[in-house]
C-alpha atoms as a PDB file:
ATOM      1  CA  UNK A   1      -6.943  14.385  14.272  1.00  0.00           C
ATOM      2  CA  UNK A   2      -5.493  11.292  12.612  1.00  0.00           C
ATOM      3  CA  UNK A   3      -7.441   8.101  12.025  1.00  0.00           C
ATOM      4  CA  UNK A   4      -5.922   5.441  14.266  1.00  0.00           C
ATOM      5  CA  UNK A   5      -6.945   1.978  15.397  1.00  0.00           C
ATOM      6  CA  UNK A   6      -8.914   1.915  18.639  1.00  0.00           C
ATOM      7  CA  UNK A   7      -6.899   1.345  21.834  1.00  0.00           C
ATOM      8  CA  UNK A   8      -6.644  -2.252  23.045  1.00  0.00           C
ATOM      9  CA  UNK A   9      -8.900  -1.559  26.038  1.00  0.00           C
ATOM     10  CA  UNK A  10     -11.724  -0.565  23.684  1.00  0.00           C
ATOM     11  CA  UNK A  11     -11.689  -4.077  22.199  1.00  0.00           C
ATOM     12  CA  UNK A  12     -12.208  -5.975  25.462  1.00  0.00           C
ATOM     13  CA  UNK A  13     -15.981  -6.314  24.907  1.00  0.00           C
ATOM     14  CA  UNK A  14     -15.846  -6.921  21.155  1.00  0.00           C
ATOM     15  CA  UNK A  15     -15.506 -10.404  19.647  1.00  0.00           C
ATOM     16  CA  UNK A  16     -14.923 -11.791  16.184  1.00  0.00           C
ATOM     17  CA  UNK A  17     -18.198 -11.923  14.236  1.00  0.00           C
ATOM     18  CA  UNK A  18     -17.218 -15.333  12.788  1.00  0.00           C
ATOM     19  CA  UNK A  19     -15.830 -17.423  15.684  1.00  0.00           C
ATOM     20  CA  UNK A  20     -16.683 -15.196  18.678  1.00  0.00           C
ATOM     21  CA  UNK A  21     -13.123 -15.162  20.055  1.00  0.00           C
ATOM     22  CA  UNK A  22     -11.245 -12.146  21.428  1.00  0.00           C
ATOM     23  CA  UNK A  23      -9.812  -9.504  19.129  1.00  0.00           C
ATOM     24  CA  UNK A  24      -6.525  -7.656  19.420  1.00  0.00           C
ATOM     25  CA  UNK A  25      -4.998  -4.672  17.680  1.00  0.00           C
ATOM     26  CA  UNK A  26      -2.014  -5.574  15.517  1.00  0.00           C
ATOM     27  CA  UNK A  27      -0.429  -2.682  13.647  1.00  0.00           C
ATOM     28  CA  UNK A  28      -3.209  -1.113  11.565  1.00  0.00           C
ATOM     29  CA  UNK A  29      -5.681  -4.036  11.655  1.00  0.00           C
ATOM     30  CA  UNK A  30      -7.829  -5.860  14.205  1.00  0.00           C
ATOM     31  CA  UNK A  31      -6.830  -9.515  14.469  1.00  0.00           C
ATOM     32  CA  UNK A  32      -8.839 -12.455  15.833  1.00  0.00           C
ATOM     33  CA  UNK A  33      -7.016 -14.695  18.299  1.00  0.00           C
ATOM     34  CA  UNK A  34      -9.180 -17.682  17.317  1.00  0.00           C
ATOM     35  CA  UNK A  35      -9.687 -17.943  13.555  1.00  0.00           C
ATOM     36  CA  UNK A  36      -6.847 -15.474  12.770  1.00  0.00           C
ATOM     37  CA  UNK A  37      -8.983 -13.301  10.506  1.00  0.00           C
ATOM     38  CA  UNK A  38      -7.760  -9.728  10.139  1.00  0.00           C
ATOM     39  CA  UNK A  39     -10.255  -6.895   9.940  1.00  0.00           C
ATOM     40  CA  UNK A  40      -9.372  -3.531   8.384  1.00  0.00           C
ATOM     41  CA  UNK A  41      -9.596  -0.217  10.202  1.00  0.00           C
ATOM     42  CA  UNK A  42     -11.046   2.509   7.972  1.00  0.00           C
ATOM     43  CA  UNK A  43     -10.663   6.094   9.173  1.00  0.00           C
ATOM     44  CA  UNK A  44     -10.175   4.846  12.732  1.00  0.00           C
ATOM     45  CA  UNK A  45     -13.227   2.551  12.711  1.00  0.00           C
ATOM     46  CA  UNK A  46     -12.821  -1.249  12.734  1.00  0.00           C
ATOM     47  CA  UNK A  47     -14.816  -2.882   9.937  1.00  0.00           C
ATOM     48  CA  UNK A  48     -15.883  -6.156  11.582  1.00  0.00           C
ATOM     49  CA  UNK A  49     -17.609  -7.702   8.586  1.00  0.00           C
ATOM     50  CA  UNK A  50     -16.805 -11.312   7.716  1.00  0.00           C
ATOM     51  CA  UNK A  51     -16.739 -10.604   3.976  1.00  0.00           C
ATOM     52  CA  UNK A  52     -14.169  -7.821   4.458  1.00  0.00           C
ATOM     53  CA  UNK A  53     -11.799  -9.917   6.602  1.00  0.00           C
ATOM     54  CA  UNK A  54      -8.450 -11.220   5.414  1.00  0.00           C
ATOM     55  CA  UNK A  55      -7.728 -14.817   6.400  1.00  0.00           C
ATOM     56  CA  UNK A  56      -4.158 -15.639   7.422  1.00  0.00           C
END
C-alpha cells in the first residue's frame, strides 16, 4: 500500500487551522484556498500544523 494524499472528498469537513478556509489536494500537498498555505502529506497523512506549512 502506497502513501497517498487523501481523496478530495475526505477534505470537505476539514479547514485550514490558520484562516479556517477550505482545503484542496494539489499534487502531493494540501493547499488552503484562503491564505494559500501548503501543508505536507507524510505517509498519506496531512500534517495540518501552522508551523509546518509553506506559505506561497
